Amino acid sequence: MKASRWILLVAVFAVLTGSTMAILAGEGKGKDEKKVTIDQVPAAVKAAILKEAGDNKIKEIEEKTKGDQKIYEAAWIADGKEVEIKLSADGTVLEKKVEEADKDDEQGDDGDNEEDDD
């Protein structure tokens, strides 16, 4: 009887520990990083992104929280190259990367395969 209580106690502890670890592992994901639109970023960030991107179509913008600081990342294709910038909340460009674009990116494939059938 005493052994079965210990087994039950250990099993319950294992389940609770596993559940807690799973929750904590997933807690940082999604809370500190999210996709946003150009109209959801601060005005200074919006102005800086539009200035940097020029006439190029912006593929995506992400808002990331590091501690109490928000960082924004924007990406677009220009002249067959993928351009990605990181900005602070006041619109200061912190980093700029330019890489060869994937073939899908060059063709403007943003993963949305909808077509207008009008």
PDB file of N, CA and C in Angstrom:
ATOM      1  N   MET A   1       0.814  -1.185   0.000  1.00  0.00           N
ATOM      2  CA  MET A   1       0.000   0.000   0.000  1.00  0.00           C
ATOM      3  C   MET A   1       0.866   1.261   0.000  1.00  0.00           C
ATOM      4  N   LYS A   2       1.897   1.240   0.831  1.00  0.00           N
ATOM      5  CA  LYS A   2       2.769   2.390   0.934  1.00  0.00           C
ATOM      6  C   LYS A   2       3.536   2.605  -0.373  1.00  0.00           C
ATOM      7  N   ALA A   3       3.978   1.531  -1.021  1.00  0.00           N
ATOM      8  CA  ALA A   3       4.709   1.621  -2.284  1.00  0.00           C
ATOM      9  C   ALA A   3       3.825   2.187  -3.382  1.00  0.00           C
ATOM     10  N   SER A   4       2.564   1.826  -3.417  1.00  0.00           N
ATOM     11  CA  SER A   4       1.672   2.326  -4.463  1.00  0.00           C
ATOM     12  C   SER A   4       1.411   3.821  -4.295  1.00  0.00           C
ATOM     13  N   ARG A   5       1.408   4.299  -3.053  1.00  0.00           N
ATOM     14  CA  ARG A   5       1.267   5.747  -2.827  1.00  0.00           C
ATOM     15  C   ARG A   5       2.472   6.493  -3.357  1.00  0.00           C
ATOM     16  N   TRP A   6       3.657   5.932  -3.118  1.00  0.00           N
ATOM     17  CA  TRP A   6       4.877   6.570  -3.628  1.00  0.00           C
ATOM     18  C   TRP A   6       4.881   6.585  -5.155  1.00  0.00           C
ATOM     19  N   ILE A   7       4.466   5.505  -5.754  1.00  0.00           N
ATOM     20  CA  ILE A   7       4.406   5.435  -7.221  1.00  0.00           C
ATOM     21  C   ILE A   7       3.417   6.472  -7.745  1.00  0.00           C
ATOM     22  N   LEU A   8       2.270   6.569  -7.104  1.00  0.00           N
ATOM     23  CA  LEU A   8       1.264   7.542  -7.506  1.00  0.00           C
ATOM     24  C   LEU A   8       1.798   8.962  -7.328  1.00  0.00           C
ATOM     25  N   LEU A   9       2.455   9.221  -6.208  1.00  0.00           N
ATOM     26  CA  LEU A   9       3.024  10.532  -5.940  1.00  0.00           C
ATOM     27  C   LEU A   9       4.078  10.901  -6.991  1.00  0.00           C
ATOM     28  N   VAL A  10       4.952   9.966  -7.312  1.00  0.00           N
ATOM     29  CA  VAL A  10       5.982  10.206  -8.325  1.00  0.00           C
ATOM     30  C   VAL A  10       5.343  10.454  -9.697  1.00  0.00           C
ATOM     31  N   ALA A  11       4.317   9.685 -10.032  1.00  0.00           N
ATOM     32  CA  ALA A  11       3.636   9.852 -11.322  1.00  0.00           C
ATOM     33  C   ALA A  11       2.981  11.234 -11.418  1.00  0.00           C
ATOM     34  N   VAL A  12       2.319  11.646 -10.365  1.00  0.00           N
ATOM     35  CA  VAL A  12       1.674  12.963 -10.348  1.00  0.00           C
ATOM     36  C   VAL A  12       2.730  14.059 -10.467  1.00  0.00           C
ATOM     37  N   PHE A  13       3.807  13.926  -9.728  1.00  0.00           N
ATOM     38  CA  PHE A  13       4.898  14.903  -9.790  1.00  0.00           C
ATOM     39  C   PHE A  13       5.470  14.995 -11.204  1.00  0.00           C
ATOM     40  N   ALA A  14       5.665  13.839 -11.844  1.00  0.00           N
ATOM     41  CA  ALA A  14       6.212  13.819 -13.201  1.00  0.00           C
ATOM     42  C   ALA A  14       5.278  14.516 -14.187  1.00  0.00           C
ATOM     43  N   VAL A  15       3.997  14.254 -14.071  1.00  0.00           N
ATOM     44  CA  VAL A  15       3.015  14.888 -14.966  1.00  0.00           C
ATOM     45  C   VAL A  15       2.995  16.396 -14.750  1.00  0.00           C
ATOM     46  N   LEU A  16       2.960  16.823 -13.497  1.00  0.00           N
ATOM     47  CA  LEU A  16       2.929  18.257 -13.206  1.00  0.00           C
ATOM     48  C   LEU A  16       4.209  18.945 -13.663  1.00  0.00           C
ATOM     49  N   THR A  17       5.344  18.319 -13.440  1.00  0.00           N
ATOM     50  CA  THR A  17       6.614  18.898 -13.870  1.00  0.00           C
ATOM     51  C   THR A  17       6.674  18.997 -15.385  1.00  0.00           C
ATOM     52  N   GLY A  18       6.264  17.939 -16.066  1.00  0.00           N
ATOM     53  CA  GLY A  18       6.265  17.948 -17.529  1.00  0.00           C
ATOM     54  C   GLY A  18       5.336  19.003 -18.090  1.00  0.00           C
ATOM     55  N   SER A  19       4.157  19.139 -17.491  1.00  0.00           N
ATOM     56  CA  SER A  19       3.197  20.150 -17.951  1.00  0.00           C
ATOM     57  C   SER A  19       3.741  21.553 -17.732  1.00  0.00           C
ATOM     58  N   THR A  20       4.330  21.786 -16.572  1.00  0.00           N
ATOM     59  CA  THR A  20       4.898  23.094 -16.279  1.00  0.00           C
ATOM     60  C   THR A  20       6.022  23.429 -17.245  1.00  0.00           C
ATOM     61  N   MET A  21       6.892  22.489 -17.514  1.00  0.00           N
ATOM     62  CA  MET A  21       8.003  22.724 -18.445  1.00  0.00           C
ATOM     63  C   MET A  21       7.489  23.014 -19.849  1.00  0.00           C
ATOM     64  N   ALA A  22       6.458  22.304 -20.281  1.00  0.00           N
ATOM     65  CA  ALA A  22       5.889  22.541 -21.611  1.00  0.00           C
ATOM     66  C   ALA A  22       5.292  23.933 -21.702  1.00  0.00           C
ATOM     67  N   ILE A  23       4.619  24.357 -20.659  1.00  0.00           N
ATOM     68  CA  ILE A  23       4.028  25.695 -20.641  1.00  0.00           C
ATOM     69  C   ILE A  23       5.118  26.755 -20.670  1.00  0.00           C
ATOM     70  N   LEU A  24       6.140  26.583 -19.852  1.00  0.00           N
ATOM     71  CA  LEU A  24       7.228  27.553 -19.811  1.00  0.00           C
ATOM     72  C   LEU A  24       8.007  27.595 -21.120  1.00  0.00           C
ATOM     73  N   ALA A  25       8.190  26.461 -21.755  1.00  0.00           N
ATOM     74  CA  ALA A  25       8.915  26.419 -23.025  1.00  0.00           C
ATOM     75  C   ALA A  25       8.157  27.176 -24.106  1.00  0.00           C
ATOM     76  N   GLY A  26       6.854  27.111 -24.102  1.00  0.00           N
ATOM     77  CA  GLY A  26       6.055  27.797 -25.105  1.00  0.00           C
ATOM     78  C   GLY A  26       5.714  29.220 -24.735  1.00  0.00           C
ATOM     79  N   GLU A  27       5.974  29.606 -23.490  1.00  0.00           N
ATOM     80  CA  GLU A  27       5.582  30.925 -23.024  1.00  0.00           C
ATOM     81  C   GLU A  27       6.309  32.047 -23.745  1.00  0.00           C
ATOM     82  N   GLY A  28       7.594  31.900 -24.037  1.00  0.00           N
ATOM     83  CA  GLY A  28       8.348  32.952 -24.688  1.00  0.00           C
ATOM     84  C   GLY A  28       7.997  33.111 -26.149  1.00  0.00           C
ATOM     85  N   LYS A  29       7.506  32.057 -26.749  1.00  0.00           N
ATOM     86  CA  LYS A  29       7.168  32.105 -28.161  1.00  0.00           C
ATOM     87  C   LYS A  29       5.837  32.799 -28.330  1.00  0.00           C
ATOM     88  N   GLY A  30       5.789  33.693 -29.286  1.00  0.00           N
ATOM     89  CA  GLY A  30       4.541  34.353 -29.586  1.00  0.00           C
ATOM     90  C   GLY A  30       4.284  35.582 -28.734  1.00  0.00           C
ATOM     91  N   LYS A  31       4.797  35.603 -27.515  1.00  0.00           N
ATOM     92  CA  LYS A  31       4.595  36.765 -26.669  1.00  0.00           C
ATOM     93  C   LYS A  31       5.637  37.843 -26.950  1.00  0.00           C
ATOM     94  N   ASP A  32       6.839  37.448 -27.305  1.00  0.00           N
ATOM     95  CA  ASP A  32       7.883  38.433 -27.503  1.00  0.00           C
ATOM     96  C   ASP A  32       8.128  38.736 -28.976  1.00  0.00           C
ATOM     97  N   GLU A  33       7.353  38.133 -29.858  1.00  0.00           N
ATOM     98  CA  GLU A  33       7.522  38.354 -31.288  1.00  0.00           C
ATOM     99  C   GLU A  33       6.166  38.225 -31.975  1.00  0.00           C
ATOM    100  N   LYS A  34       5.797  39.237 -32.763  1.00  0.00           N
ATOM    101  CA  LYS A  34       4.531  39.148 -33.489  1.00  0.00           C
ATOM    102  C   LYS A  34       4.617  39.942 -34.787  1.00  0.00           C
ATOM    103  N   LYS A  35       3.851  39.485 -35.759  1.00  0.00           N
ATOM    104  CA  LYS A  35       3.777  40.194 -37.034  1.00  0.00           C
ATOM    105  C   LYS A  35       2.821  41.360 -36.871  1.00  0.00           C
ATOM    106  N   VAL A  36       3.198  42.488 -37.462  1.00  0.00           N
ATOM    107  CA  VAL A  36       2.373  43.692 -37.411  1.00  0.00           C
ATOM    108  C   VAL A  36       2.306  44.305 -38.800  1.00  0.00           C
ATOM    109  N   THR A  37       1.391  45.221 -38.983  1.00  0.00           N
ATOM    110  CA  THR A  37       1.296  45.952 -40.250  1.00  0.00           C
ATOM    111  C   THR A  37       2.000  47.292 -40.114  1.00  0.00           C
ATOM    112  N   ILE A  38       2.205  47.942 -41.233  1.00  0.00           N
ATOM    113  CA  ILE A  38       2.883  49.246 -41.230  1.00  0.00           C
ATOM    114  C   ILE A  38       2.092  50.267 -40.413  1.00  0.00           C
ATOM    115  N   ASP A  39       0.778  50.105 -40.345  1.00  0.00           N
ATOM    116  CA  ASP A  39      -0.045  51.046 -39.592  1.00  0.00           C
ATOM    117  C   ASP A  39      -0.072  50.762 -38.097  1.00  0.00           C
ATOM    118  N   GLN A  40       0.508  49.645 -37.669  1.00  0.00           N
ATOM    119  CA  GLN A  40       0.538  49.292 -36.251  1.00  0.00           C
ATOM    120  C   GLN A  40       1.844  49.672 -35.559  1.00  0.00           C
ATOM    121  N   VAL A  41       2.817  50.175 -36.300  1.00  0.00           N
ATOM    122  CA  VAL A  41       4.104  50.549 -35.701  1.00  0.00           C
ATOM    123  C   VAL A  41       4.089  52.034 -35.362  1.00  0.00           C
ATOM    124  N   PRO A  42       4.963  52.478 -34.464  1.00  0.00           N
ATOM    125  CA  PRO A  42       5.034  53.906 -34.149  1.00  0.00           C
ATOM    126  C   PRO A  42       5.340  54.741 -35.397  1.00  0.00           C
ATOM    127  N   ALA A  43       4.904  55.979 -35.397  1.00  0.00           N
ATOM    128  CA  ALA A  43       5.059  56.858 -36.558  1.00  0.00           C
ATOM    129  C   ALA A  43       6.514  56.966 -37.018  1.00  0.00           C
ATOM    130  N   ALA A  44       7.448  57.056 -36.074  1.00  0.00           N
ATOM    131  CA  ALA A  44       8.865  57.187 -36.444  1.00  0.00           C
ATOM    132  C   ALA A  44       9.368  55.920 -37.134  1.00  0.00           C
ATOM    133  N   VAL A  45       8.904  54.760 -36.684  1.00  0.00           N
ATOM    134  CA  VAL A  45       9.288  53.480 -37.284  1.00  0.00           C
ATOM    135  C   VAL A  45       8.690  53.377 -38.687  1.00  0.00           C
ATOM    136  N   LYS A  46       7.434  53.760 -38.811  1.00  0.00           N
ATOM    137  CA  LYS A  46       6.759  53.728 -40.107  1.00  0.00           C
ATOM    138  C   LYS A  46       7.494  54.613 -41.114  1.00  0.00           C
ATOM    139  N   ALA A  47       7.829  55.822 -40.710  1.00  0.00           N
ATOM    140  CA  ALA A  47       8.535  56.745 -41.602  1.00  0.00           C
ATOM    141  C   ALA A  47       9.888  56.180 -42.028  1.00  0.00           C
ATOM    142  N   ALA A  48      10.609  55.586 -41.092  1.00  0.00           N
ATOM    143  CA  ALA A  48      11.931  55.031 -41.409  1.00  0.00           C
ATOM    144  C   ALA A  48      11.817  53.839 -42.351  1.00  0.00           C
ATOM    145  N   ILE A  49      10.838  52.965 -42.116  1.00  0.00           N
ATOM    146  CA  ILE A  49      10.652  51.802 -42.995  1.00  0.00           C
ATOM    147  C   ILE A  49      10.307  52.258 -44.407  1.00  0.00           C
ATOM    148  N   LEU A  50       9.350  53.180 -44.517  1.00  0.00           N
ATOM    149  CA  LEU A  50       8.937  53.659 -45.842  1.00  0.00           C
ATOM    150  C   LEU A  50      10.082  54.367 -46.568  1.00  0.00           C
ATOM    151  N   LYS A  51      10.897  55.102 -45.831  1.00  0.00           N
ATOM    152  CA  LYS A  51      12.053  55.772 -46.428  1.00  0.00           C
ATOM    153  C   LYS A  51      13.061  54.751 -46.937  1.00  0.00           C
ATOM    154  N   GLU A  52      13.368  53.744 -46.117  1.00  0.00           N
ATOM    155  CA  GLU A  52      14.344  52.717 -46.496  1.00  0.00           C
ATOM    156  C   GLU A  52      13.845  51.846 -47.649  1.00  0.00           C
ATOM    157  N   ALA A  53      12.564  51.457 -47.611  1.00  0.00           N
ATOM    158  CA  ALA A  53      12.019  50.543 -48.620  1.00  0.00           C
ATOM    159  C   ALA A  53      11.738  51.242 -49.943  1.00  0.00           C
ATOM    160  N   GLY A  54      11.528  52.538 -49.916  1.00  0.00           N
ATOM    161  CA  GLY A  54      11.230  53.266 -51.152  1.00  0.00           C
ATOM    162  C   GLY A  54       9.952  52.736 -51.785  1.00  0.00           C
ATOM    163  N   ASP A  55      10.019  52.435 -53.081  1.00  0.00           N
ATOM    164  CA  ASP A  55       8.845  51.944 -53.808  1.00  0.00           C
ATOM    165  C   ASP A  55       8.680  50.429 -53.709  1.00  0.00           C
ATOM    166  N   ASN A  56       9.559  49.749 -52.997  1.00  0.00           N
ATOM    167  CA  ASN A  56       9.491  48.288 -52.896  1.00  0.00           C
ATOM    168  C   ASN A  56       8.385  47.858 -51.946  1.00  0.00           C
ATOM    169  N   LYS A  57       7.744  46.733 -52.276  1.00  0.00           N
ATOM    170  CA  LYS A  57       6.659  46.195 -51.457  1.00  0.00           C
ATOM    171  C   LYS A  57       7.249  45.522 -50.222  1.00  0.00           C
ATOM    172  N   ILE A  58       6.773  45.912 -49.065  1.00  0.00           N
ATOM    173  CA  ILE A  58       7.248  45.350 -47.800  1.00  0.00           C
ATOM    174  C   ILE A  58       6.633  43.972 -47.623  1.00  0.00           C
ATOM    175  N   LYS A  59       7.509  42.964 -47.448  1.00  0.00           N
ATOM    176  CA  LYS A  59       7.061  41.573 -47.273  1.00  0.00           C
ATOM    177  C   LYS A  59       6.466  41.341 -45.905  1.00  0.00           C
ATOM    178  N   GLU A  60       7.156  41.813 -44.867  1.00  0.00           N
ATOM    179  CA  GLU A  60       6.674  41.589 -43.509  1.00  0.00           C
ATOM    180  C   GLU A  60       7.334  42.556 -42.547  1.00  0.00           C
ATOM    181  N   ILE A  61       6.627  42.771 -41.448  1.00  0.00           N
ATOM    182  CA  ILE A  61       7.150  43.577 -40.340  1.00  0.00           C
ATOM    183  C   ILE A  61       6.873  42.791 -39.068  1.00  0.00           C
ATOM    184  N   GLU A  62       7.888  42.699 -38.224  1.00  0.00           N
ATOM    185  CA  GLU A  62       7.733  42.012 -36.944  1.00  0.00           C
ATOM    186  C   GLU A  62       8.083  42.961 -35.816  1.00  0.00           C
ATOM    187  N   GLU A  63       7.369  42.814 -34.722  1.00  0.00           N
ATOM    188  CA  GLU A  63       7.664  43.552 -33.501  1.00  0.00           C
ATOM    189  C   GLU A  63       8.193  42.548 -32.490  1.00  0.00           C
ATOM    190  N   LYS A  64       9.382  42.802 -31.974  1.00  0.00           N
ATOM    191  CA  LYS A  64       9.993  41.910 -30.991  1.00  0.00           C
ATOM    192  C   LYS A  64      10.233  42.688 -29.706  1.00  0.00           C
ATOM    193  N   THR A  65       9.993  42.015 -28.606  1.00  0.00           N
ATOM    194  CA  THR A  65      10.226  42.632 -27.309  1.00  0.00           C
ATOM    195  C   THR A  65      11.408  41.948 -26.649  1.00  0.00           C
ATOM    196  N   LYS A  66      12.408  42.745 -26.321  1.00  0.00           N
ATOM    197  CA  LYS A  66      13.585  42.245 -25.607  1.00  0.00           C
ATOM    198  C   LYS A  66      13.665  43.020 -24.305  1.00  0.00           C
ATOM    199  N   GLY A  67      13.314  42.341 -23.227  1.00  0.00           N
ATOM    200  CA  GLY A  67      13.231  43.034 -21.944  1.00  0.00           C
ATOM    201  C   GLY A  67      12.079  44.014 -22.007  1.00  0.00           C
ATOM    202  N   ASP A  68      12.366  45.295 -21.798  1.00  0.00           N
ATOM    203  CA  ASP A  68      11.318  46.310 -21.906  1.00  0.00           C
ATOM    204  C   ASP A  68      11.465  47.137 -23.185  1.00  0.00           C
ATOM    205  N   GLN A  69      12.316  46.668 -24.109  1.00  0.00           N
ATOM    206  CA  GLN A  69      12.582  47.395 -25.346  1.00  0.00           C
ATOM    207  C   GLN A  69      11.930  46.697 -26.534  1.00  0.00           C
ATOM    208  N   LYS A  70      11.293  47.478 -27.393  1.00  0.00           N
ATOM    209  CA  LYS A  70      10.700  46.940 -28.614  1.00  0.00           C
ATOM    210  C   LYS A  70      11.630  47.197 -29.792  1.00  0.00           C
ATOM    211  N   ILE A  71      11.808  46.155 -30.598  1.00  0.00           N
ATOM    212  CA  ILE A  71      12.612  46.213 -31.811  1.00  0.00           C
ATOM    213  C   ILE A  71      11.692  45.834 -32.967  1.00  0.00           C
ATOM    214  N   TYR A  72      11.826  46.535 -34.078  1.00  0.00           N
ATOM    215  CA  TYR A  72      11.004  46.237 -35.251  1.00  0.00           C
ATOM    216  C   TYR A  72      11.906  45.749 -36.367  1.00  0.00           C
ATOM    217  N   GLU A  73      11.448  44.725 -37.094  1.00  0.00           N
ATOM    218  CA  GLU A  73      12.174  44.197 -38.232  1.00  0.00           C
ATOM    219  C   GLU A  73      11.260  44.275 -39.441  1.00  0.00           C
ATOM    220  N   ALA A  74      11.800  44.762 -40.540  1.00  0.00           N
ATOM    221  CA  ALA A  74      11.031  44.848 -41.781  1.00  0.00           C
ATOM    222  C   ALA A  74      11.866  44.234 -42.897  1.00  0.00           C
ATOM    223  N   ALA A  75      11.186  43.612 -43.864  1.00  0.00           N
ATOM    224  CA  ALA A  75      11.879  42.966 -44.982  1.00  0.00           C
ATOM    225  C   ALA A  75      11.149  43.254 -46.282  1.00  0.00           C
ATOM    226  N   TRP A  76      11.938  43.368 -47.363  1.00  0.00           N
ATOM    227  CA  TRP A  76      11.397  43.565 -48.697  1.00  0.00           C
ATOM    228  C   TRP A  76      12.424  43.110 -49.715  1.00  0.00           C
ATOM    229  N   ILE A  77      11.999  43.014 -50.986  1.00  0.00           N
ATOM    230  CA  ILE A  77      12.886  42.635 -52.079  1.00  0.00           C
ATOM    231  C   ILE A  77      13.182  43.881 -52.902  1.00  0.00           C
ATOM    232  N   ALA A  78      14.462  44.106 -53.175  1.00  0.00           N
ATOM    233  CA  ALA A  78      14.889  45.237 -54.003  1.00  0.00           C
ATOM    234  C   ALA A  78      15.994  44.763 -54.927  1.00  0.00           C
ATOM    235  N   ASP A  79      15.785  44.922 -56.224  1.00  0.00           N
ATOM    236  CA  ASP A  79      16.794  44.550 -57.226  1.00  0.00           C
ATOM    237  C   ASP A  79      17.277  43.110 -57.063  1.00  0.00           C
ATOM    238  N   GLY A  80      16.353  42.194 -56.802  1.00  0.00           N
ATOM    239  CA  GLY A  80      16.695  40.783 -56.668  1.00  0.00           C
ATOM    240  C   GLY A  80      17.380  40.425 -55.364  1.00  0.00           C
ATOM    241  N   LYS A  81      17.421  41.347 -54.422  1.00  0.00           N
ATOM    242  CA  LYS A  81      18.047  41.114 -53.120  1.00  0.00           C
ATOM    243  C   LYS A  81      16.997  41.267 -52.026  1.00  0.00           C
ATOM    244  N   GLU A  82      17.129  40.436 -50.995  1.00  0.00           N
ATOM    245  CA  GLU A  82      16.251  40.589 -49.835  1.00  0.00           C
ATOM    246  C   GLU A  82      16.909  41.553 -48.863  1.00  0.00           C
ATOM    247  N   VAL A  83      16.188  42.589 -48.508  1.00  0.00           N
ATOM    248  CA  VAL A  83      16.682  43.597 -47.579  1.00  0.00           C
ATOM    249  C   VAL A  83      15.903  43.452 -46.279  1.00  0.00           C
ATOM    250  N   GLU A  84      16.636  43.443 -45.170  1.00  0.00           N
ATOM    251  CA  GLU A  84      16.013  43.338 -43.856  1.00  0.00           C
ATOM    252  C   GLU A  84      16.652  44.376 -42.949  1.00  0.00           C
ATOM    253  N   ILE A  85      15.800  45.143 -42.282  1.00  0.00           N
ATOM    254  CA  ILE A  85      16.326  46.135 -41.345  1.00  0.00           C
ATOM    255  C   ILE A  85      15.742  45.902 -39.957  1.00  0.00           C
ATOM    256  N   LYS A  86      16.518  46.302 -38.959  1.00  0.00           N
ATOM    257  CA  LYS A  86      16.060  46.303 -37.571  1.00  0.00           C
ATOM    258  C   LYS A  86      16.057  47.749 -37.122  1.00  0.00           C
ATOM    259  N   LEU A  87      14.979  48.124 -36.434  1.00  0.00           N
ATOM    260  CA  LEU A  87      14.832  49.500 -35.973  1.00  0.00           C
ATOM    261  C   LEU A  87      14.451  49.548 -34.509  1.00  0.00           C
ATOM    262  N   SER A  88      14.873  50.600 -33.846  1.00  0.00           N
ATOM    263  CA  SER A  88      14.424  50.835 -32.480  1.00  0.00           C
ATOM    264  C   SER A  88      13.058  51.501 -32.552  1.00  0.00           C
ATOM    265  N   ALA A  89      12.400  51.627 -31.417  1.00  0.00           N
ATOM    266  CA  ALA A  89      11.053  52.206 -31.370  1.00  0.00           C
ATOM    267  C   ALA A  89      11.032  53.672 -31.776  1.00  0.00           C
ATOM    268  N   ASP A  90      12.200  54.337 -31.747  1.00  0.00           N
ATOM    269  CA  ASP A  90      12.239  55.743 -32.165  1.00  0.00           C
ATOM    270  C   ASP A  90      12.575  55.904 -33.649  1.00  0.00           C
ATOM    271  N   GLY A  91      12.659  54.767 -34.391  1.00  0.00           N
ATOM    272  CA  GLY A  91      12.889  54.818 -35.829  1.00  0.00           C
ATOM    273  C   GLY A  91      14.343  54.752 -36.249  1.00  0.00           C
ATOM    274  N   THR A  92      15.245  54.615 -35.311  1.00  0.00           N
ATOM    275  CA  THR A  92      16.665  54.514 -35.630  1.00  0.00           C
ATOM    276  C   THR A  92      16.957  53.144 -36.235  1.00  0.00           C
ATOM    277  N   VAL A  93      17.629  53.124 -37.395  1.00  0.00           N
ATOM    278  CA  VAL A  93      18.009  51.864 -38.027  1.00  0.00           C
ATOM    279  C   VAL A  93      19.197  51.303 -37.257  1.00  0.00           C
ATOM    280  N   LEU A  94      19.016  50.118 -36.679  1.00  0.00           N
ATOM    281  CA  LEU A  94      20.053  49.485 -35.873  1.00  0.00           C
ATOM    282  C   LEU A  94      20.914  48.545 -36.698  1.00  0.00           C
ATOM    283  N   GLU A  95      20.314  47.942 -37.721  1.00  0.00           N
ATOM    284  CA  GLU A  95      21.021  46.948 -38.530  1.00  0.00           C
ATOM    285  C   GLU A  95      20.345  46.859 -39.889  1.00  0.00           C
ATOM    286  N   LYS A  96      21.154  46.612 -40.920  1.00  0.00           N
ATOM    287  CA  LYS A  96      20.614  46.415 -42.265  1.00  0.00           C
ATOM    288  C   LYS A  96      21.358  45.261 -42.910  1.00  0.00           C
ATOM    289  N   LYS A  97      20.588  44.272 -43.408  1.00  0.00           N
ATOM    290  CA  LYS A  97      21.168  43.115 -44.083  1.00  0.00           C
ATOM    291  C   LYS A  97      20.649  43.079 -45.515  1.00  0.00           C
ATOM    292  N   VAL A  98      21.530  42.761 -46.441  1.00  0.00           N
ATOM    293  CA  VAL A  98      21.141  42.587 -47.834  1.00  0.00           C
ATOM    294  C   VAL A  98      21.684  41.242 -48.285  1.00  0.00           C
ATOM    295  N   GLU A  99      20.793  40.355 -48.737  1.00  0.00           N
ATOM    296  CA  GLU A  99      21.176  39.018 -49.171  1.00  0.00           C
ATOM    297  C   GLU A  99      20.506  38.701 -50.493  1.00  0.00           C
ATOM    298  N   GLU A 100      21.034  37.701 -51.183  1.00  0.00           N
ATOM    299  CA  GLU A 100      20.380  37.225 -52.399  1.00  0.00           C
ATOM    300  C   GLU A 100      18.995  36.720 -52.031  1.00  0.00           C
ATOM    301  N   ALA A 101      18.010  37.097 -52.817  1.00  0.00           N
ATOM    302  CA  ALA A 101      16.641  36.658 -52.547  1.00  0.00           C
ATOM    303  C   ALA A 101      16.434  35.239 -53.050  1.00  0.00           C
ATOM    304  N   ASP A 102      15.563  34.495 -52.358  1.00  0.00           N
ATOM    305  CA  ASP A 102      15.158  33.180 -52.848  1.00  0.00           C
ATOM    306  C   ASP A 102      14.385  33.370 -54.138  1.00  0.00           C
ATOM    307  N   LYS A 103      14.324  32.329 -54.957  1.00  0.00           N
ATOM    308  CA  LYS A 103      13.582  32.435 -56.218  1.00  0.00           C
ATOM    309  C   LYS A 103      12.126  32.780 -55.977  1.00  0.00           C
ATOM    310  N   ASP A 104      11.521  32.204 -54.931  1.00  0.00           N
ATOM    311  CA  ASP A 104      10.130  32.515 -54.613  1.00  0.00           C
ATOM    312  C   ASP A 104       9.972  33.994 -54.256  1.00  0.00           C
ATOM    313  N   ASP A 105      10.960  34.538 -53.529  1.00  0.00           N
ATOM    314  CA  ASP A 105      10.904  35.938 -53.144  1.00  0.00           C
ATOM    315  C   ASP A 105      10.999  36.852 -54.351  1.00  0.00           C
ATOM    316  N   GLU A 106      11.875  36.519 -55.285  1.00  0.00           N
ATOM    317  CA  GLU A 106      12.060  37.343 -56.467  1.00  0.00           C
ATOM    318  C   GLU A 106      10.794  37.433 -57.295  1.00  0.00           C
ATOM    319  N   GLN A 107      10.006  36.348 -57.286  1.00  0.00           N
ATOM    320  CA  GLN A 107       8.772  36.326 -58.063  1.00  0.00           C
ATOM    321  C   GLN A 107       7.625  36.968 -57.299  1.00  0.00           C
ATOM    322  N   GLY A 108       7.914  37.441 -56.112  1.00  0.00           N
ATOM    323  CA  GLY A 108       6.885  38.108 -55.329  1.00  0.00           C
ATOM    324  C   GLY A 108       5.990  37.163 -54.576  1.00  0.00           C
ATOM    325  N   ASP A 109       6.399  35.892 -54.431  1.00  0.00           N
ATOM    326  CA  ASP A 109       5.595  34.922 -53.706  1.00  0.00           C
ATOM    327  C   ASP A 109       5.735  35.157 -52.221  1.00  0.00           C
ATOM    328  N   ASP A 110       4.673  35.642 -51.609  1.00  0.00           N
ATOM    329  CA  ASP A 110       4.707  35.890 -50.178  1.00  0.00           C
ATOM    330  C   ASP A 110       3.999  34.802 -49.387  1.00  0.00           C
ATOM    331  N   GLY A 111       3.784  33.644 -50.061  1.00  0.00           N
ATOM    332  CA  GLY A 111       3.127  32.543 -49.388  1.00  0.00           C
ATOM    333  C   GLY A 111       1.618  32.587 -49.512  1.00  0.00           C
ATOM    334  N   ASP A 112       1.086  33.663 -50.059  1.00  0.00           N
ATOM    335  CA  ASP A 112      -0.353  33.819 -50.243  1.00  0.00           C
ATOM    336  C   ASP A 112      -0.672  33.510 -51.686  1.00  0.00           C
ATOM    337  N   ASN A 113      -1.254  32.342 -51.912  1.00  0.00           N
ATOM    338  CA  ASN A 113      -1.492  31.882 -53.269  1.00  0.00           C
ATOM    339  C   ASN A 113      -2.880  32.220 -53.786  1.00  0.00           C
ATOM    340  N   GLU A 114      -3.542  33.200 -53.176  1.00  0.00           N
ATOM    341  CA  GLU A 114      -4.847  33.595 -53.640  1.00  0.00           C
ATOM    342  C   GLU A 114      -4.731  34.361 -54.952  1.00  0.00           C
ATOM    343  N   GLU A 115      -5.682  34.134 -55.831  1.00  0.00           N
ATOM    344  CA  GLU A 115      -5.724  34.866 -57.084  1.00  0.00           C
ATOM    345  C   GLU A 115      -7.089  35.499 -57.213  1.00  0.00           C
ATOM    346  N   ASP A 116      -7.145  36.659 -57.843  1.00  0.00           N
ATOM    347  CA  ASP A 116      -8.431  37.295 -58.115  1.00  0.00           C
ATOM    348  C   ASP A 116      -9.013  36.688 -59.368  1.00  0.00           C
ATOM    349  N   ASP A 117     -10.233  36.217 -59.288  1.00  0.00           N
ATOM    350  CA  ASP A 117     -10.913  35.623 -60.418  1.00  0.00           C
ATOM    351  C   ASP A 117     -12.005  36.524 -60.952  1.00  0.00           C
ATOM    352  N   ASP A 118     -11.847  37.815 -60.802  1.00  0.00           N
ATOM    353  CA  ASP A 118     -12.883  38.747 -61.247  1.00  0.00           C
ATOM    354  C   ASP A 118     -12.994  38.840 -62.736  1.00  0.00           C
TER     355      ASP A 118
END
